[in-house]
Amino acid sequence: MKKTILIALLLILTSLTTTYSQVSLNKVAQTTMNFLLVGTSPKASAMGEAFTAYGSGVEGMFYNPAGMAEMNSQFNVTVNYTDWIADINYLSGGVAWNLNNLGVIGINLLTVDYGTIHGTSLLGAGESDLFPLGYKDNGNVSNVGAYSVGITYAKSISEQFAFGGTVRFAGQNLGQNLLESGMKDNNASKLVFDLGVKYKTFFNGFAFGMSIRNFASNIKREEIDEQLPLVFALGASINLMNFILPEHDGALHLATDFLHQNNYSERINVGLEYIFLNMLSVRGGYQTNRDLASWSGGVGFNYSLFDYEVEVNYSYSRYEIFNSVNRLSLLFAF
């Protein structure tokens, strides 16, 4: 009876994506530092960013810090590269150290390269003949980019329940502009907090988790207070292979995330991952209520090299109008 109820709930939650996928994007607020919303893990992105209940180890700290408590090795190290839209590149990484009964501690770093930005300014009186385009080209703008560095702690309270939290220092540099009082730096920085919990049941790998990401006070630019992109996520995951082919030497994980954000209407992400012989992973996912993003896919290879477990992951995310996004990561466990 319990199995039937849980399967029915998952199917109902997943079927909601069909309805929400028809909902147009509804921007309900303004936020800043939106680079914090971009996923940099190819494993998570290939599964449609449905990673709140499924993410584990060092990769979990970027989505639900409680997932980091599931580390089986003493150390996890990962490096992620994202070839984002409009010639923007993301580079992120993390290191997690398993302290056994004391929990798991990790550090993470994210940098964003916005590429070449040309600065312009309005014309002064009598300059229209000198600049027929209607503006001045001031050359390349220096000191443009974004970054985030943080520390994460996670601990398993029991075999089933874990919690975690992250404290990050995030900043964004948007160059300079010329005012009557002189040059002004358009830089902002803030302390940002992530919190998460995760609960694993004894029912065929069924788990669910909750996280709050990018919790911070407002940033004031000129006379305007701006919020950071706060995200509340509720996720669930289960191994479907236990119902389809219980004797099969593999796994088929279904993950679903429900997102409530302060700058967009509600979204649902769905992802699947098939694992064969703990060596090859094939992933697919879909994000609903997005104006540009939709489906994604990817593969992963896991193999042993001396005393190291090495994992290589790649993902492809389809984006309308802009070029599609490619992500690549390398993870070591030892």
Protein backbone atom coordinates (compact mmCIF):
# COMPACT_ATOMS: atom_id res chain seq x y z
CA MET A 1 0.00 0.00 0.00
CA LYS A 2 2.82 2.42 0.92
CA LYS A 3 4.59 1.67 -2.35
CA THR A 4 1.47 2.45 -4.35
CA ILE A 5 0.94 5.76 -2.54
CA LEU A 6 4.53 6.91 -3.01
CA ILE A 7 4.58 6.00 -6.71
CA ALA A 8 1.27 7.80 -7.22
CA LEU A 9 2.59 10.93 -5.50
CA LEU A 10 5.70 11.01 -7.67
CA LEU A 11 3.67 10.55 -10.84
CA ILE A 12 1.31 13.35 -9.81
CA LEU A 13 4.19 15.70 -9.03
CA THR A 14 5.91 14.91 -12.31
CA SER A 15 2.71 15.27 -14.33
CA LEU A 16 2.35 18.82 -13.05
CA THR A 17 5.23 19.77 -15.33
CA THR A 18 2.94 19.37 -18.32
CA THR A 19 0.64 22.03 -16.93
CA TYR A 20 3.35 24.42 -15.76
CA SER A 21 5.30 24.12 -19.00
CA GLN A 22 2.47 26.05 -20.67
CA VAL A 23 2.70 28.91 -18.17
CA SER A 24 4.43 31.98 -19.57
CA LEU A 25 7.25 33.59 -17.64
CA ASN A 26 5.94 36.08 -15.10
CA LYS A 27 8.55 38.39 -13.74
CA VAL A 28 7.28 39.52 -10.37
CA ALA A 29 10.30 41.32 -8.89
CA GLN A 30 13.73 42.73 -9.57
CA THR A 31 16.91 41.11 -8.26
CA THR A 32 20.61 41.64 -8.65
CA MET A 33 23.61 39.26 -8.73
CA ASN A 34 21.63 36.82 -10.86
CA PHE A 35 24.86 34.99 -11.71
CA LEU A 36 24.15 33.11 -8.46
CA LEU A 37 21.23 31.37 -10.22
CA VAL A 38 23.35 29.76 -12.95
CA GLY A 39 24.05 26.09 -12.30
CA THR A 40 27.64 25.07 -13.00
CA SER A 41 27.45 21.32 -12.34
CA PRO A 42 26.99 19.36 -15.60
CA LYS A 43 25.52 16.47 -13.65
CA ALA A 44 22.79 18.67 -12.18
CA SER A 45 22.23 20.65 -15.38
CA ALA A 46 21.84 17.48 -17.47
CA MET A 47 19.02 16.49 -15.10
CA GLY A 48 17.23 19.80 -15.55
CA GLU A 49 18.68 21.23 -12.31
CA ALA A 50 16.51 18.79 -10.31
CA PHE A 51 19.19 18.28 -7.67
CA THR A 52 17.77 19.35 -4.31
CA ALA A 53 17.06 15.81 -3.11
CA TYR A 54 19.44 13.96 -5.43
CA GLY A 55 22.72 15.89 -5.15
CA SER A 56 25.38 14.46 -2.87
CA GLY A 57 29.02 14.93 -1.94
CA VAL A 58 30.96 18.00 -2.99
CA GLU A 59 28.43 18.79 -5.76
CA GLY A 60 25.62 18.98 -3.23
CA MET A 61 26.98 22.13 -1.64
CA PHE A 62 25.96 24.19 -4.70
CA TYR A 63 22.29 23.07 -4.56
CA ASN A 64 21.46 21.65 -1.15
CA PRO A 65 24.34 21.74 1.36
CA ALA A 66 22.77 18.86 3.31
CA GLY A 67 23.67 16.53 0.43
CA MET A 68 27.35 16.97 1.19
CA ALA A 69 26.86 14.83 4.30
CA GLU A 70 26.45 11.74 2.08
CA MET A 71 30.16 11.56 1.22
CA ASN A 72 31.56 8.03 1.39
CA SER A 73 35.21 8.98 0.84
CA GLN A 74 37.44 11.18 2.95
CA PHE A 75 37.94 13.88 0.29
CA ASN A 76 35.96 15.12 -2.71
CA VAL A 77 37.40 17.62 -5.19
CA THR A 78 35.56 18.98 -8.22
CA VAL A 79 36.21 21.54 -10.94
CA ASN A 80 33.38 22.74 -13.22
CA TYR A 81 33.48 24.79 -16.40
CA THR A 82 30.41 26.35 -18.05
CA ASP A 83 30.42 27.89 -21.52
CA TRP A 84 27.49 30.23 -20.90
CA ILE A 85 25.53 32.41 -23.32
CA ALA A 86 26.84 35.73 -24.76
CA ASP A 87 30.51 34.72 -24.37
CA ILE A 88 30.19 34.51 -20.58
CA ASN A 89 32.20 31.78 -18.85
CA TYR A 90 31.76 30.29 -15.39
CA LEU A 91 34.47 28.44 -13.48
CA SER A 92 33.61 26.83 -10.16
CA GLY A 93 35.10 24.29 -7.84
CA GLY A 94 34.89 22.80 -4.41
CA VAL A 95 36.74 20.68 -1.88
CA ALA A 96 34.98 18.63 0.81
CA TRP A 97 36.60 16.90 3.77
CA ASN A 98 34.79 14.11 5.60
CA LEU A 99 35.44 14.36 9.35
CA ASN A 100 33.35 11.26 10.08
CA ASN A 101 31.32 11.79 13.27
CA LEU A 102 32.11 15.50 13.25
CA GLY A 103 30.43 16.03 9.89
CA VAL A 104 31.69 17.23 6.51
CA ILE A 105 33.28 20.61 5.84
CA GLY A 106 33.91 22.11 2.42
CA ILE A 107 34.96 25.25 0.61
CA ASN A 108 33.69 26.43 -2.76
CA LEU A 109 34.66 29.06 -5.30
CA LEU A 110 32.88 30.57 -8.29
CA THR A 111 34.21 33.10 -10.79
CA VAL A 112 32.40 34.67 -13.74
CA ASP A 113 34.13 36.13 -16.78
CA TYR A 114 31.77 38.48 -18.63
CA GLY A 115 34.10 38.73 -21.61
CA THR A 116 34.88 41.96 -23.43
CA ILE A 117 32.57 44.84 -22.50
CA HIS A 118 32.66 48.12 -24.45
CA GLY A 119 31.95 51.28 -22.50
CA THR A 120 29.91 54.10 -24.01
CA SER A 121 28.81 57.55 -22.94
CA LEU A 122 26.34 60.16 -24.14
CA LEU A 123 27.43 63.02 -26.34
CA GLY A 124 28.02 66.49 -25.03
CA ALA A 125 26.84 69.69 -26.60
CA GLY A 126 28.29 70.18 -30.08
CA GLU A 127 29.71 66.64 -30.35
CA SER A 128 27.07 65.12 -32.61
CA ASP A 129 29.11 65.87 -35.74
CA LEU A 130 32.16 64.09 -34.32
CA PHE A 131 30.26 60.93 -33.35
CA PRO A 132 27.65 60.07 -36.02
CA LEU A 133 26.50 56.95 -34.13
CA GLY A 134 25.07 59.13 -31.38
CA TYR A 135 27.40 57.98 -28.59
CA LYS A 136 31.05 57.77 -27.62
CA ASP A 137 32.89 54.46 -27.58
CA ASN A 138 35.17 54.64 -24.52
CA GLY A 139 36.95 51.37 -25.20
CA ASN A 140 36.98 48.18 -23.15
CA VAL A 141 35.69 48.39 -19.60
CA SER A 142 38.08 46.97 -17.02
CA ASN A 143 37.26 45.33 -13.69
CA VAL A 144 34.11 43.55 -14.88
CA GLY A 145 33.15 40.16 -13.45
CA ALA A 146 31.61 38.34 -10.51
CA TYR A 147 32.75 35.92 -7.84
CA SER A 148 31.66 33.92 -4.84
CA VAL A 149 33.69 32.11 -2.18
CA GLY A 150 32.19 30.18 0.70
CA ILE A 151 32.43 27.53 3.36
CA THR A 152 29.92 24.70 3.84
CA TYR A 153 29.20 22.41 6.78
CA ALA A 154 26.94 19.36 6.68
CA LYS A 155 26.19 16.55 9.12
CA SER A 156 24.07 13.43 9.23
CA ILE A 157 21.97 13.35 12.39
CA SER A 158 20.91 9.78 11.66
CA GLU A 159 21.05 7.29 8.83
CA GLN A 160 18.10 9.08 7.27
CA PHE A 161 18.31 12.79 8.15
CA ALA A 162 21.02 15.36 7.31
CA PHE A 163 21.30 19.12 7.43
CA GLY A 164 23.79 21.62 6.05
CA GLY A 165 24.56 25.29 5.61
CA THR A 166 26.79 27.53 3.53
CA VAL A 167 28.14 31.02 4.16
CA ARG A 168 29.41 32.79 1.04
CA PHE A 169 30.92 36.14 0.23
CA ALA A 170 29.60 37.15 -3.19
CA GLY A 171 30.54 40.15 -5.26
CA GLN A 172 29.90 41.70 -8.65
CA ASN A 173 32.03 44.30 -10.41
CA LEU A 174 30.38 46.27 -13.21
CA GLY A 175 33.15 48.69 -14.13
CA GLN A 176 33.08 52.46 -13.70
CA ASN A 177 31.06 55.38 -14.90
CA LEU A 178 31.85 59.09 -15.09
CA LEU A 179 29.81 61.41 -12.89
CA GLU A 180 30.10 65.12 -12.25
CA SER A 181 31.95 64.26 -9.06
CA GLY A 182 34.37 62.00 -10.94
CA MET A 183 34.72 58.27 -11.67
CA LYS A 184 32.61 55.88 -9.65
CA ASP A 185 33.12 52.13 -9.17
CA ASN A 186 29.98 50.05 -9.72
CA ASN A 187 30.90 47.25 -7.34
CA ALA A 188 28.77 45.42 -4.78
CA SER A 189 29.42 42.58 -2.34
CA LYS A 190 27.37 40.72 0.24
CA LEU A 191 27.33 37.84 2.71
CA VAL A 192 25.00 35.14 1.36
CA PHE A 193 23.55 32.15 3.21
CA ASP A 194 22.28 28.74 2.03
CA LEU A 195 20.46 26.26 4.26
CA GLY A 196 19.20 22.77 3.51
CA VAL A 197 17.87 19.51 4.91
CA LYS A 198 17.57 16.06 3.38
CA TYR A 199 15.63 12.99 4.44
CA LYS A 200 16.16 9.51 3.00
CA THR A 201 13.51 6.88 3.51
CA PHE A 202 14.04 3.12 3.53
CA PHE A 203 11.72 2.79 0.54
CA ASN A 204 13.73 2.00 -2.61
CA GLY A 205 15.97 5.04 -2.45
CA PHE A 206 13.12 7.55 -2.05
CA ALA A 207 14.40 10.83 -0.63
CA PHE A 208 13.26 14.41 -0.38
CA GLY A 209 14.98 17.62 0.53
CA MET A 210 14.45 21.34 1.03
CA SER A 211 16.81 24.25 0.60
CA ILE A 212 16.89 28.03 0.77
CA ARG A 213 19.56 29.58 -1.40
CA ASN A 214 20.95 33.12 -1.68
CA PHE A 215 19.45 34.46 1.55
CA ALA A 216 20.88 37.93 2.17
CA SER A 217 19.99 41.51 2.98
CA ASN A 218 19.38 44.01 0.18
CA ILE A 219 22.05 45.77 -1.83
CA LYS A 220 21.66 49.52 -2.31
CA ARG A 221 22.74 50.96 -5.65
CA GLU A 222 22.31 54.74 -5.78
CA GLU A 223 18.85 55.20 -4.18
CA ILE A 224 17.43 51.78 -5.05
CA ASP A 225 17.39 48.74 -2.77
CA GLU A 226 17.88 45.49 -4.70
CA GLN A 227 17.28 41.96 -3.50
CA LEU A 228 19.44 38.95 -4.23
CA PRO A 229 17.73 36.07 -6.12
CA LEU A 230 16.27 34.13 -3.20
CA VAL A 231 15.29 30.54 -4.07
CA PHE A 232 13.22 28.12 -2.01
CA ALA A 233 13.46 24.58 -3.41
CA LEU A 234 11.59 21.40 -2.51
CA GLY A 235 12.77 18.21 -4.17
CA ALA A 236 12.20 14.46 -4.26
CA SER A 237 14.03 11.53 -5.86
CA ILE A 238 13.57 7.78 -6.19
CA ASN A 239 15.21 4.80 -7.91
CA LEU A 240 12.65 3.55 -10.44
CA MET A 241 14.71 0.49 -11.33
CA ASN A 242 13.59 -1.16 -8.10
CA PHE A 243 10.08 -1.28 -9.57
CA ILE A 244 10.89 -2.00 -13.22
CA LEU A 245 13.74 -4.54 -13.05
CA PRO A 246 14.69 -5.23 -9.41
CA GLU A 247 17.40 -7.72 -10.42
CA HIS A 248 19.04 -5.37 -12.93
CA ASP A 249 22.61 -4.27 -12.11
CA GLY A 250 21.92 -0.58 -12.57
CA ALA A 251 19.83 2.33 -11.37
CA LEU A 252 17.28 4.69 -12.89
CA HIS A 253 16.82 7.76 -10.71
CA LEU A 254 13.93 10.18 -11.12
CA ALA A 255 14.30 13.61 -9.49
CA THR A 256 11.85 16.50 -9.31
CA ASP A 257 12.35 20.01 -7.91
CA PHE A 258 9.75 22.68 -7.19
CA LEU A 259 11.18 26.20 -7.09
CA HIS A 260 9.70 29.33 -5.56
CA GLN A 261 11.76 32.44 -6.36
CA ASN A 262 11.43 36.11 -5.53
CA ASN A 263 12.05 37.19 -9.12
CA TYR A 264 10.01 34.69 -11.18
CA SER A 265 6.85 32.66 -10.85
CA GLU A 266 7.01 29.04 -9.71
CA ARG A 267 8.98 26.50 -11.72
CA ILE A 268 9.32 22.73 -11.83
CA ASN A 269 12.45 20.84 -12.88
CA VAL A 270 12.50 17.13 -13.75
CA GLY A 271 15.50 14.89 -14.36
CA LEU A 272 16.40 11.26 -15.03
CA GLU A 273 19.71 9.45 -14.62
CA TYR A 274 20.46 5.90 -15.72
CA ILE A 275 23.59 4.36 -14.17
CA PHE A 276 25.10 1.20 -15.69
CA LEU A 277 27.64 -0.86 -13.68
CA ASN A 278 28.54 2.26 -11.68
CA MET A 279 30.65 3.33 -14.66
CA LEU A 280 28.41 5.01 -17.23
CA SER A 281 25.64 7.53 -16.55
CA VAL A 282 23.17 8.88 -19.09
CA ARG A 283 21.06 11.88 -18.01
CA GLY A 284 18.18 13.97 -19.29
CA GLY A 285 16.07 16.77 -17.87
CA TYR A 286 13.53 19.48 -18.50
CA GLN A 287 12.89 22.90 -16.91
CA THR A 288 9.40 24.36 -17.05
CA ASN A 289 8.19 27.97 -17.13
CA ARG A 290 11.39 29.24 -18.71
CA ASP A 291 11.54 31.70 -21.58
CA LEU A 292 14.86 30.41 -22.95
CA ALA A 293 15.87 27.16 -21.24
CA SER A 294 14.04 23.89 -21.81
CA TRP A 295 15.56 20.40 -22.15
CA SER A 296 19.05 19.19 -21.37
CA GLY A 297 21.09 16.00 -21.49
CA GLY A 298 24.49 14.63 -20.62
CA VAL A 299 26.75 11.72 -19.84
CA GLY A 300 29.15 10.77 -17.08
CA PHE A 301 32.04 8.33 -16.77
CA ASN A 302 33.27 6.97 -13.47
CA TYR A 303 36.41 4.87 -13.11
CA SER A 304 39.15 3.99 -10.62
CA LEU A 305 42.66 5.35 -11.10
CA PHE A 306 45.12 4.06 -8.52
CA ASP A 307 43.55 5.04 -5.17
CA TYR A 308 41.30 7.69 -6.74
CA GLU A 309 37.74 7.53 -7.98
CA VAL A 310 37.61 9.80 -11.04
CA GLU A 311 34.34 11.10 -12.51
CA VAL A 312 34.03 13.09 -15.74
CA ASN A 313 30.68 14.72 -16.57
CA TYR A 314 29.39 16.61 -19.59
CA SER A 315 26.04 18.30 -20.20
CA TYR A 316 24.30 20.08 -23.05
CA SER A 317 21.49 22.54 -22.31
CA ARG A 318 19.22 23.85 -25.04
CA TYR A 319 18.61 27.62 -25.06
CA GLU A 320 16.44 29.55 -27.47
CA ILE A 321 17.86 32.58 -29.32
CA PHE A 322 21.30 32.28 -27.69
CA ASN A 323 23.81 29.52 -28.27
CA SER A 324 23.24 26.37 -26.28
CA VAL A 325 25.25 25.86 -23.10
CA ASN A 326 27.96 23.24 -22.58
CA ARG A 327 29.31 22.22 -19.19
CA LEU A 328 32.25 19.99 -18.23
CA SER A 329 33.47 18.83 -14.83
CA LEU A 330 36.13 16.64 -13.28
CA LEU A 331 35.64 15.11 -9.83
CA PHE A 332 38.10 13.20 -7.62
CA ALA A 333 37.18 11.11 -4.58
CA PHE A 334 39.84 9.61 -2.30
